[in-house]
Amino acid sequence: LVREQGARVLLLEAGSSHHHPLLDMPPGIFKMINGSKFMRYHQ
């Protein structure tokens, strides 16, 4: 919407920044899957 339509867009995200070494590395998921601030767990 921003790049191709020149729109002004507000993107609201409940979580935090994606800048973290564990998130960048492909195997980081196995460090996070059973508990991480980057995950929300629906029981």
ModelCIF file with pLDDT and N, C-alpha, C, O atoms, coordinates in Angstrom:
data_MODEL
#
_entry.id   MODEL 
#
_entity.id                         1 
_entity.type                       polymer 
_entity.pdbx_number_of_molecules   1 
#
_entity_poly.entity_id                      1 
_entity_poly.type                           'polypeptide(L)' 
_entity_poly.nstd_linkage                   no 
_entity_poly.nstd_monomer                   no 
_entity_poly.pdbx_seq_one_letter_code       LVREQGARVLLLEAGSSHHHPLLDMPPGIFKMINGSKFMRYHQ 
_entity_poly.pdbx_seq_one_letter_code_can   LVREQGARVLLLEAGSSHHHPLLDMPPGIFKMINGSKFMRYHQ 
_entity_poly.pdbx_strand_id                 A 
#
loop_
_entity_poly_seq.entity_id 
_entity_poly_seq.num 
_entity_poly_seq.mon_id 
_entity_poly_seq.hetero 
1 1  LEU n 
1 2  VAL n 
1 3  ARG n 
1 4  GLU n 
1 5  GLN n 
1 6  GLY n 
1 7  ALA n 
1 8  ARG n 
1 9  VAL n 
1 10 LEU n 
1 11 LEU n 
1 12 LEU n 
1 13 GLU n 
1 14 ALA n 
1 15 GLY n 
1 16 SER n 
1 17 SER n 
1 18 HIS n 
1 19 HIS n 
1 20 HIS n 
1 21 PRO n 
1 22 LEU n 
1 23 LEU n 
1 24 ASP n 
1 25 MET n 
1 26 PRO n 
1 27 PRO n 
1 28 GLY n 
1 29 ILE n 
1 30 PHE n 
1 31 LYS n 
1 32 MET n 
1 33 ILE n 
1 34 ASN n 
1 35 GLY n 
1 36 SER n 
1 37 LYS n 
1 38 PHE n 
1 39 MET n 
1 40 ARG n 
1 41 TYR n 
1 42 HIS n 
1 43 GLN n 
#
_struct_asym.id          A 
_struct_asym.entity_id   1 
#
loop_
_ma_qa_metric.id 
_ma_qa_metric.mode 
_ma_qa_metric.name 
_ma_qa_metric.software_group_id 
_ma_qa_metric.type 
1 global pLDDT . pLDDT 
2 local  pLDDT . pLDDT 
#
_ma_qa_metric_global.metric_id      1 
_ma_qa_metric_global.metric_value   86.95 
_ma_qa_metric_global.model_id       1 
_ma_qa_metric_global.ordinal_id     1 
#
loop_
_ma_qa_metric_local.label_asym_id 
_ma_qa_metric_local.label_comp_id 
_ma_qa_metric_local.label_seq_id 
_ma_qa_metric_local.metric_id 
_ma_qa_metric_local.metric_value 
_ma_qa_metric_local.model_id 
_ma_qa_metric_local.ordinal_id 
A LEU 1  2 98.00 1 1  
A VAL 2  2 98.00 1 2  
A ARG 3  2 96.00 1 3  
A GLU 4  2 96.00 1 4  
A GLN 5  2 97.00 1 5  
A GLY 6  2 96.00 1 6  
A ALA 7  2 97.00 1 7  
A ARG 8  2 97.00 1 8  
A VAL 9  2 98.00 1 9  
A LEU 10 2 98.00 1 10 
A LEU 11 2 98.00 1 11 
A LEU 12 2 98.00 1 12 
A GLU 13 2 98.00 1 13 
A ALA 14 2 97.00 1 14 
A GLY 15 2 96.00 1 15 
A SER 16 2 94.00 1 16 
A SER 17 2 95.00 1 17 
A HIS 18 2 95.00 1 18 
A HIS 19 2 93.00 1 19 
A HIS 20 2 88.00 1 20 
A PRO 21 2 83.00 1 21 
A LEU 22 2 81.00 1 22 
A LEU 23 2 86.00 1 23 
A ASP 24 2 85.00 1 24 
A MET 25 2 78.00 1 25 
A PRO 26 2 72.00 1 26 
A PRO 27 2 72.00 1 27 
A GLY 28 2 70.00 1 28 
A ILE 29 2 67.00 1 29 
A PHE 30 2 67.00 1 30 
A LYS 31 2 66.00 1 31 
A MET 32 2 65.00 1 32 
A ILE 33 2 61.00 1 33 
A ASN 34 2 64.00 1 34 
A GLY 35 2 72.00 1 35 
A SER 36 2 82.00 1 36 
A LYS 37 2 87.00 1 37 
A PHE 38 2 91.00 1 38 
A MET 39 2 91.00 1 39 
A ARG 40 2 92.00 1 40 
A TYR 41 2 93.00 1 41 
A HIS 42 2 96.00 1 42 
A GLN 43 2 95.00 1 43 
#
loop_
_atom_site.group_PDB 
_atom_site.id 
_atom_site.type_symbol 
_atom_site.label_atom_id 
_atom_site.label_alt_id 
_atom_site.label_comp_id 
_atom_site.label_asym_id 
_atom_site.label_entity_id 
_atom_site.label_seq_id 
_atom_site.pdbx_PDB_ins_code 
_atom_site.Cartn_x 
_atom_site.Cartn_y 
_atom_site.Cartn_z 
_atom_site.occupancy 
_atom_site.B_iso_or_equiv 
_atom_site.pdbx_formal_charge 
_atom_site.auth_seq_id 
_atom_site.auth_comp_id 
_atom_site.auth_asym_id 
_atom_site.auth_atom_id 
_atom_site.pdbx_PDB_model_num 
ATOM 1   N N  . LEU A 1 1  ? 0.830  -1.209  0.000  1.00 98.00 ? 1  LEU A N  1 
ATOM 2   C CA . LEU A 1 1  ? 0.000  0.000   0.000  1.00 98.00 ? 1  LEU A CA 1 
ATOM 3   C C  . LEU A 1 1  ? 0.863  1.256   0.000  1.00 98.00 ? 1  LEU A C  1 
ATOM 4   O O  . LEU A 1 1  ? 0.549  2.234   -0.678 1.00 98.00 ? 1  LEU A O  1 
ATOM 5   N N  . VAL A 1 2  ? 1.943  1.222   0.760  1.00 98.00 ? 2  VAL A N  1 
ATOM 6   C CA . VAL A 1 2  ? 2.834  2.382   0.842  1.00 98.00 ? 2  VAL A CA 1 
ATOM 7   C C  . VAL A 1 2  ? 3.641  2.535   -0.447 1.00 98.00 ? 2  VAL A C  1 
ATOM 8   O O  . VAL A 1 2  ? 3.683  3.609   -1.047 1.00 98.00 ? 2  VAL A O  1 
ATOM 9   N N  . ARG A 1 3  ? 4.269  1.457   -0.854 1.00 96.00 ? 3  ARG A N  1 
ATOM 10  C CA . ARG A 1 3  ? 5.220  1.535   -1.955 1.00 96.00 ? 3  ARG A CA 1 
ATOM 11  C C  . ARG A 1 3  ? 4.542  1.747   -3.311 1.00 96.00 ? 3  ARG A C  1 
ATOM 12  O O  . ARG A 1 3  ? 5.066  2.473   -4.156 1.00 96.00 ? 3  ARG A O  1 
ATOM 13  N N  . GLU A 1 4  ? 3.386  1.122   -3.523 1.00 96.00 ? 4  GLU A N  1 
ATOM 14  C CA . GLU A 1 4  ? 2.781  1.133   -4.848 1.00 96.00 ? 4  GLU A CA 1 
ATOM 15  C C  . GLU A 1 4  ? 1.565  2.040   -4.966 1.00 96.00 ? 4  GLU A C  1 
ATOM 16  O O  . GLU A 1 4  ? 1.149  2.381   -6.073 1.00 96.00 ? 4  GLU A O  1 
ATOM 17  N N  . GLN A 1 5  ? 0.990  2.433   -3.829 1.00 97.00 ? 5  GLN A N  1 
ATOM 18  C CA . GLN A 1 5  ? -0.191 3.301   -3.891 1.00 97.00 ? 5  GLN A CA 1 
ATOM 19  C C  . GLN A 1 5  ? 0.027  4.651   -3.215 1.00 97.00 ? 5  GLN A C  1 
ATOM 20  O O  . GLN A 1 5  ? -0.872 5.492   -3.186 1.00 97.00 ? 5  GLN A O  1 
ATOM 21  N N  . GLY A 1 6  ? 1.222  4.850   -2.673 1.00 96.00 ? 6  GLY A N  1 
ATOM 22  C CA . GLY A 1 6  ? 1.510  6.122   -2.034 1.00 96.00 ? 6  GLY A CA 1 
ATOM 23  C C  . GLY A 1 6  ? 0.678  6.388   -0.799 1.00 96.00 ? 6  GLY A C  1 
ATOM 24  O O  . GLY A 1 6  ? 0.488  7.542   -0.415 1.00 96.00 ? 6  GLY A O  1 
ATOM 25  N N  . ALA A 1 7  ? 0.175  5.326   -0.166 1.00 97.00 ? 7  ALA A N  1 
ATOM 26  C CA . ALA A 1 7  ? -0.696 5.494   0.992  1.00 97.00 ? 7  ALA A CA 1 
ATOM 27  C C  . ALA A 1 7  ? 0.116  5.767   2.253  1.00 97.00 ? 7  ALA A C  1 
ATOM 28  O O  . ALA A 1 7  ? 1.288  5.405   2.354  1.00 97.00 ? 7  ALA A O  1 
ATOM 29  N N  . ARG A 1 8  ? -0.539 6.411   3.207  1.00 97.00 ? 8  ARG A N  1 
ATOM 30  C CA . ARG A 1 8  ? 0.022  6.556   4.551  1.00 97.00 ? 8  ARG A CA 1 
ATOM 31  C C  . ARG A 1 8  ? -0.574 5.441   5.404  1.00 97.00 ? 8  ARG A C  1 
ATOM 32  O O  . ARG A 1 8  ? -1.792 5.369   5.572  1.00 97.00 ? 8  ARG A O  1 
ATOM 33  N N  . VAL A 1 9  ? 0.267  4.583   5.936  1.00 98.00 ? 9  VAL A N  1 
ATOM 34  C CA . VAL A 1 9  ? -0.187 3.370   6.609  1.00 98.00 ? 9  VAL A CA 1 
ATOM 35  C C  . VAL A 1 9  ? 0.390  3.299   8.010  1.00 98.00 ? 9  VAL A C  1 
ATOM 36  O O  . VAL A 1 9  ? 1.578  3.539   8.223  1.00 98.00 ? 9  VAL A O  1 
ATOM 37  N N  . LEU A 1 10 ? -0.471 2.964   8.963  1.00 98.00 ? 10 LEU A N  1 
ATOM 38  C CA . LEU A 1 10 ? -0.043 2.647   10.326 1.00 98.00 ? 10 LEU A CA 1 
ATOM 39  C C  . LEU A 1 10 ? -0.136 1.136   10.499 1.00 98.00 ? 10 LEU A C  1 
ATOM 40  O O  . LEU A 1 10 ? -1.209 0.555   10.342 1.00 98.00 ? 10 LEU A O  1 
ATOM 41  N N  . LEU A 1 11 ? 0.977  0.507   10.819 1.00 98.00 ? 11 LEU A N  1 
ATOM 42  C CA . LEU A 1 11 ? 1.033  -0.931  11.060 1.00 98.00 ? 11 LEU A CA 1 
ATOM 43  C C  . LEU A 1 11 ? 1.188  -1.159  12.555 1.00 98.00 ? 11 LEU A C  1 
ATOM 44  O O  . LEU A 1 11 ? 2.212  -0.799  13.136 1.00 98.00 ? 11 LEU A O  1 
ATOM 45  N N  . LEU A 1 12 ? 0.179  -1.754  13.183 1.00 98.00 ? 12 LEU A N  1 
ATOM 46  C CA . LEU A 1 12 ? 0.165  -1.978  14.628 1.00 98.00 ? 12 LEU A CA 1 
ATOM 47  C C  . LEU A 1 12 ? 0.479  -3.447  14.903 1.00 98.00 ? 12 LEU A C  1 
ATOM 48  O O  . LEU A 1 12 ? -0.221 -4.338  14.422 1.00 98.00 ? 12 LEU A O  1 
ATOM 49  N N  . GLU A 1 13 ? 1.531  -3.692  15.676 1.00 98.00 ? 13 GLU A N  1 
ATOM 50  C CA . GLU A 1 13 ? 1.940  -5.050  16.027 1.00 98.00 ? 13 GLU A CA 1 
ATOM 51  C C  . GLU A 1 13 ? 2.002  -5.179  17.548 1.00 98.00 ? 13 GLU A C  1 
ATOM 52  O O  . GLU A 1 13 ? 2.606  -4.349  18.227 1.00 98.00 ? 13 GLU A O  1 
ATOM 53  N N  . ALA A 1 14 ? 1.364  -6.238  18.076 1.00 97.00 ? 14 ALA A N  1 
ATOM 54  C CA . ALA A 1 14 ? 1.324  -6.433  19.526 1.00 97.00 ? 14 ALA A CA 1 
ATOM 55  C C  . ALA A 1 14 ? 2.661  -6.895  20.083 1.00 97.00 ? 14 ALA A C  1 
ATOM 56  O O  . ALA A 1 14 ? 2.933  -6.700  21.268 1.00 97.00 ? 14 ALA A O  1 
ATOM 57  N N  . GLY A 1 15 ? 3.503  -7.505  19.251 1.00 96.00 ? 15 GLY A N  1 
ATOM 58  C CA . GLY A 1 15 ? 4.780  -8.036  19.707 1.00 96.00 ? 15 GLY A CA 1 
ATOM 59  C C  . GLY A 1 15 ? 5.903  -7.030  19.592 1.00 96.00 ? 15 GLY A C  1 
ATOM 60  O O  . GLY A 1 15 ? 5.690  -5.825  19.456 1.00 96.00 ? 15 GLY A O  1 
ATOM 61  N N  . SER A 1 16 ? 7.123  -7.576  19.652 1.00 94.00 ? 16 SER A N  1 
ATOM 62  C CA . SER A 1 16 ? 8.305  -6.726  19.725 1.00 94.00 ? 16 SER A CA 1 
ATOM 63  C C  . SER A 1 16 ? 9.081  -6.741  18.408 1.00 94.00 ? 16 SER A C  1 
ATOM 64  O O  . SER A 1 16 ? 8.615  -7.274  17.401 1.00 94.00 ? 16 SER A O  1 
ATOM 65  N N  . SER A 1 17 ? 10.257 -6.152  18.437 1.00 95.00 ? 17 SER A N  1 
ATOM 66  C CA . SER A 1 17 ? 11.088 -6.056  17.248 1.00 95.00 ? 17 SER A CA 1 
ATOM 67  C C  . SER A 1 17 ? 11.593 -7.419  16.809 1.00 95.00 ? 17 SER A C  1 
ATOM 68  O O  . SER A 1 17 ? 11.788 -8.317  17.628 1.00 95.00 ? 17 SER A O  1 
ATOM 69  N N  . HIS A 1 18 ? 11.802 -7.564  15.507 1.00 95.00 ? 18 HIS A N  1 
ATOM 70  C CA . HIS A 1 18 ? 12.331 -8.804  14.940 1.00 95.00 ? 18 HIS A CA 1 
ATOM 71  C C  . HIS A 1 18 ? 13.851 -8.833  14.931 1.00 95.00 ? 18 HIS A C  1 
ATOM 72  O O  . HIS A 1 18 ? 14.448 -9.800  14.458 1.00 95.00 ? 18 HIS A O  1 
ATOM 73  N N  . HIS A 1 19 ? 14.478 -7.799  15.442 1.00 93.00 ? 19 HIS A N  1 
ATOM 74  C CA . HIS A 1 19 ? 15.939 -7.748  15.447 1.00 93.00 ? 19 HIS A CA 1 
ATOM 75  C C  . HIS A 1 19 ? 16.477 -8.499  16.658 1.00 93.00 ? 19 HIS A C  1 
ATOM 76  O O  . HIS A 1 19 ? 16.513 -7.962  17.766 1.00 93.00 ? 19 HIS A O  1 
ATOM 77  N N  . HIS A 1 20 ? 16.890 -9.728  16.444 1.00 88.00 ? 20 HIS A N  1 
ATOM 78  C CA . HIS A 1 20 ? 17.475 -10.542 17.506 1.00 88.00 ? 20 HIS A CA 1 
ATOM 79  C C  . HIS A 1 20 ? 18.256 -11.677 16.855 1.00 88.00 ? 20 HIS A C  1 
ATOM 80  O O  . HIS A 1 20 ? 17.762 -12.278 15.900 1.00 88.00 ? 20 HIS A O  1 
ATOM 81  N N  . PRO A 1 21 ? 19.466 -11.994 17.338 1.00 83.00 ? 21 PRO A N  1 
ATOM 82  C CA . PRO A 1 21 ? 20.283 -13.034 16.698 1.00 83.00 ? 21 PRO A CA 1 
ATOM 83  C C  . PRO A 1 21 ? 19.583 -14.380 16.578 1.00 83.00 ? 21 PRO A C  1 
ATOM 84  O O  . PRO A 1 21 ? 19.723 -15.057 15.560 1.00 83.00 ? 21 PRO A O  1 
ATOM 85  N N  . LEU A 1 22 ? 18.826 -14.782 17.608 1.00 81.00 ? 22 LEU A N  1 
ATOM 86  C CA . LEU A 1 22 ? 18.156 -16.074 17.542 1.00 81.00 ? 22 LEU A CA 1 
ATOM 87  C C  . LEU A 1 22 ? 17.095 -16.102 16.451 1.00 81.00 ? 22 LEU A C  1 
ATOM 88  O O  . LEU A 1 22 ? 16.869 -17.140 15.828 1.00 81.00 ? 22 LEU A O  1 
ATOM 89  N N  . LEU A 1 23 ? 16.444 -14.969 16.218 1.00 86.00 ? 23 LEU A N  1 
ATOM 90  C CA . LEU A 1 23 ? 15.434 -14.918 15.177 1.00 86.00 ? 23 LEU A CA 1 
ATOM 91  C C  . LEU A 1 23 ? 16.060 -14.970 13.791 1.00 86.00 ? 23 LEU A C  1 
ATOM 92  O O  . LEU A 1 23 ? 15.479 -15.526 12.859 1.00 86.00 ? 23 LEU A O  1 
ATOM 93  N N  . ASP A 1 24 ? 17.239 -14.390 13.661 1.00 85.00 ? 24 ASP A N  1 
ATOM 94  C CA . ASP A 1 24 ? 17.883 -14.343 12.351 1.00 85.00 ? 24 ASP A CA 1 
ATOM 95  C C  . ASP A 1 24 ? 18.408 -15.710 11.910 1.00 85.00 ? 24 ASP A C  1 
ATOM 96  O O  . ASP A 1 24 ? 18.351 -16.046 10.727 1.00 85.00 ? 24 ASP A O  1 
ATOM 97  N N  . MET A 1 25 ? 18.917 -16.496 12.855 1.00 78.00 ? 25 MET A N  1 
ATOM 98  C CA . MET A 1 25 ? 19.537 -17.771 12.506 1.00 78.00 ? 25 MET A CA 1 
ATOM 99  C C  . MET A 1 25 ? 18.474 -18.831 12.227 1.00 78.00 ? 25 MET A C  1 
ATOM 100 O O  . MET A 1 25 ? 17.517 -18.944 12.993 1.00 78.00 ? 25 MET A O  1 
ATOM 101 N N  . PRO A 1 26 ? 18.612 -19.614 11.151 1.00 72.00 ? 26 PRO A N  1 
ATOM 102 C CA . PRO A 1 26 ? 17.613 -20.644 10.842 1.00 72.00 ? 26 PRO A CA 1 
ATOM 103 C C  . PRO A 1 26 ? 17.273 -21.585 11.993 1.00 72.00 ? 26 PRO A C  1 
ATOM 104 O O  . PRO A 1 26 ? 16.090 -21.873 12.179 1.00 72.00 ? 26 PRO A O  1 
ATOM 105 N N  . PRO A 1 27 ? 18.242 -22.091 12.788 1.00 72.00 ? 27 PRO A N  1 
ATOM 106 C CA . PRO A 1 27 ? 17.853 -23.035 13.843 1.00 72.00 ? 27 PRO A CA 1 
ATOM 107 C C  . PRO A 1 27 ? 17.356 -22.393 15.125 1.00 72.00 ? 27 PRO A C  1 
ATOM 108 O O  . PRO A 1 27 ? 17.111 -23.088 16.111 1.00 72.00 ? 27 PRO A O  1 
ATOM 109 N N  . GLY A 1 28 ? 17.204 -21.069 15.126 1.00 70.00 ? 28 GLY A N  1 
ATOM 110 C CA . GLY A 1 28 ? 16.793 -20.393 16.348 1.00 70.00 ? 28 GLY A CA 1 
ATOM 111 C C  . GLY A 1 28 ? 15.452 -20.851 16.877 1.00 70.00 ? 28 GLY A C  1 
ATOM 112 O O  . GLY A 1 28 ? 15.181 -20.717 18.071 1.00 70.00 ? 28 GLY A O  1 
ATOM 113 N N  . ILE A 1 29 ? 14.599 -21.394 16.004 1.00 67.00 ? 29 ILE A N  1 
ATOM 114 C CA . ILE A 1 29 ? 13.272 -21.850 16.426 1.00 67.00 ? 29 ILE A CA 1 
ATOM 115 C C  . ILE A 1 29 ? 13.351 -22.869 17.551 1.00 67.00 ? 29 ILE A C  1 
ATOM 116 O O  . ILE A 1 29 ? 12.494 -22.881 18.435 1.00 67.00 ? 29 ILE A O  1 
ATOM 117 N N  . PHE A 1 30 ? 14.372 -23.726 17.529 1.00 67.00 ? 30 PHE A N  1 
ATOM 118 C CA . PHE A 1 30 ? 14.448 -24.775 18.538 1.00 67.00 ? 30 PHE A CA 1 
ATOM 119 C C  . PHE A 1 30 ? 14.849 -24.232 19.908 1.00 67.00 ? 30 PHE A C  1 
ATOM 120 O O  . PHE A 1 30 ? 14.698 -24.916 20.921 1.00 67.00 ? 30 PHE A O  1 
ATOM 121 N N  . LYS A 1 31 ? 15.357 -23.008 19.936 1.00 66.00 ? 31 LYS A N  1 
ATOM 122 C CA . LYS A 1 31 ? 15.639 -22.347 21.204 1.00 66.00 ? 31 LYS A CA 1 
ATOM 123 C C  . LYS A 1 31 ? 14.395 -21.665 21.758 1.00 66.00 ? 31 LYS A C  1 
ATOM 124 O O  . LYS A 1 31 ? 14.334 -21.323 22.939 1.00 66.00 ? 31 LYS A O  1 
ATOM 125 N N  . MET A 1 32 ? 13.387 -21.469 20.876 1.00 65.00 ? 32 MET A N  1 
ATOM 126 C CA . MET A 1 32 ? 12.247 -20.646 21.268 1.00 65.00 ? 32 MET A CA 1 
ATOM 127 C C  . MET A 1 32 ? 10.934 -21.404 21.372 1.00 65.00 ? 32 MET A C  1 
ATOM 128 O O  . MET A 1 32 ? 10.020 -20.949 22.059 1.00 65.00 ? 32 MET A O  1 
ATOM 129 N N  . ILE A 1 33 ? 10.816 -22.538 20.714 1.00 61.00 ? 33 ILE A N  1 
ATOM 130 C CA . ILE A 1 33 ? 9.513  -23.149 20.502 1.00 61.00 ? 33 ILE A CA 1 
ATOM 131 C C  . ILE A 1 33 ? 8.793  -23.478 21.809 1.00 61.00 ? 33 ILE A C  1 
ATOM 132 O O  . ILE A 1 33 ? 7.564  -23.434 21.865 1.00 61.00 ? 33 ILE A O  1 
ATOM 133 N N  . ASN A 1 34 ? 9.547  -23.808 22.860 1.00 64.00 ? 34 ASN A N  1 
ATOM 134 C CA . ASN A 1 34 ? 8.910  -24.178 24.123 1.00 64.00 ? 34 ASN A CA 1 
ATOM 135 C C  . ASN A 1 34 ? 8.927  -23.057 25.161 1.00 64.00 ? 34 ASN A C  1 
ATOM 136 O O  . ASN A 1 34 ? 8.686  -23.299 26.343 1.00 64.00 ? 34 ASN A O  1 
ATOM 137 N N  . GLY A 1 35 ? 9.210  -21.842 24.720 1.00 72.00 ? 35 GLY A N  1 
ATOM 138 C CA . GLY A 1 35 ? 9.165  -20.715 25.642 1.00 72.00 ? 35 GLY A CA 1 
ATOM 139 C C  . GLY A 1 35 ? 9.984  -19.543 25.164 1.00 72.00 ? 35 GLY A C  1 
ATOM 140 O O  . GLY A 1 35 ? 11.206 -19.647 25.070 1.00 72.00 ? 35 GLY A O  1 
ATOM 141 N N  . SER A 1 36 ? 9.343  -18.420 24.856 1.00 82.00 ? 36 SER A N  1 
ATOM 142 C CA . SER A 1 36 ? 10.057 -17.258 24.355 1.00 82.00 ? 36 SER A CA 1 
ATOM 143 C C  . SER A 1 36 ? 9.138  -16.055 24.390 1.00 82.00 ? 36 SER A C  1 
ATOM 144 O O  . SER A 1 36 ? 7.924  -16.192 24.242 1.00 82.00 ? 36 SER A O  1 
ATOM 145 N N  . LYS A 1 37 ? 9.711  -14.875 24.586 1.00 87.00 ? 37 LYS A N  1 
ATOM 146 C CA . LYS A 1 37 ? 8.910  -13.654 24.533 1.00 87.00 ? 37 LYS A CA 1 
ATOM 147 C C  . LYS A 1 37 ? 8.429  -13.371 23.114 1.00 87.00 ? 37 LYS A C  1 
ATOM 148 O O  . LYS A 1 37 ? 7.518  -12.569 22.912 1.00 87.00 ? 37 LYS A O  1 
ATOM 149 N N  . PHE A 1 38 ? 9.044  -14.031 22.131 1.00 91.00 ? 38 PHE A N  1 
ATOM 150 C CA . PHE A 1 38 ? 8.651  -13.835 20.746 1.00 91.00 ? 38 PHE A CA 1 
ATOM 151 C C  . PHE A 1 38 ? 7.484  -14.733 20.340 1.00 91.00 ? 38 PHE A C  1 
ATOM 152 O O  . PHE A 1 38 ? 7.066  -14.734 19.182 1.00 91.00 ? 38 PHE A O  1 
ATOM 153 N N  . MET A 1 39 ? 6.964  -15.491 21.293 1.00 91.00 ? 39 MET A N  1 
ATOM 154 C CA . MET A 1 39 ? 5.826  -16.370 21.040 1.00 91.00 ? 39 MET A CA 1 
ATOM 155 C C  . MET A 1 39 ? 4.702  -16.043 22.020 1.00 91.00 ? 39 MET A C  1 
ATOM 156 O O  . MET A 1 39 ? 4.946  -15.678 23.170 1.00 91.00 ? 39 MET A O  1 
ATOM 157 N N  . ARG A 1 40 ? 3.483  -16.181 21.548 1.00 92.00 ? 40 ARG A N  1 
ATOM 158 C CA . ARG A 1 40 ? 2.297  -16.147 22.408 1.00 92.00 ? 40 ARG A CA 1 
ATOM 159 C C  . ARG A 1 40 ? 1.683  -17.547 22.352 1.00 92.00 ? 40 ARG A C  1 
ATOM 160 O O  . ARG A 1 40 ? 1.560  -18.130 21.275 1.00 92.00 ? 40 ARG A O  1 
ATOM 161 N N  . TYR A 1 41 ? 1.304  -18.074 23.491 1.00 93.00 ? 41 TYR A N  1 
ATOM 162 C CA . TYR A 1 41 ? 0.843  -19.459 23.559 1.00 93.00 ? 41 TYR A CA 1 
ATOM 163 C C  . TYR A 1 41 ? -0.654 -19.516 23.866 1.00 93.00 ? 41 TYR A C  1 
ATOM 164 O O  . TYR A 1 41 ? -1.098 -19.115 24.942 1.00 93.00 ? 41 TYR A O  1 
ATOM 165 N N  . HIS A 1 42 ? -1.410 -20.016 22.913 1.00 96.00 ? 42 HIS A N  1 
ATOM 166 C CA . HIS A 1 42 ? -2.832 -20.238 23.104 1.00 96.00 ? 42 HIS A CA 1 
ATOM 167 C C  . HIS A 1 42 ? -3.009 -21.664 23.638 1.00 96.00 ? 42 HIS A C  1 
ATOM 168 O O  . HIS A 1 42 ? -2.612 -22.627 22.981 1.00 96.00 ? 42 HIS A O  1 
ATOM 169 N N  . GLN A 1 43 ? -3.594 -21.794 24.806 1.00 95.00 ? 43 GLN A N  1 
ATOM 170 C CA . GLN A 1 43 ? -3.867 -23.114 25.369 1.00 95.00 ? 43 GLN A CA 1 
ATOM 171 C C  . GLN A 1 43 ? -5.277 -23.526 24.973 1.00 95.00 ? 43 GLN A C  1 
ATOM 172 O O  . GLN A 1 43 ? -5.728 -24.612 25.338 1.00 95.00 ? 43 GLN A O  1 
#
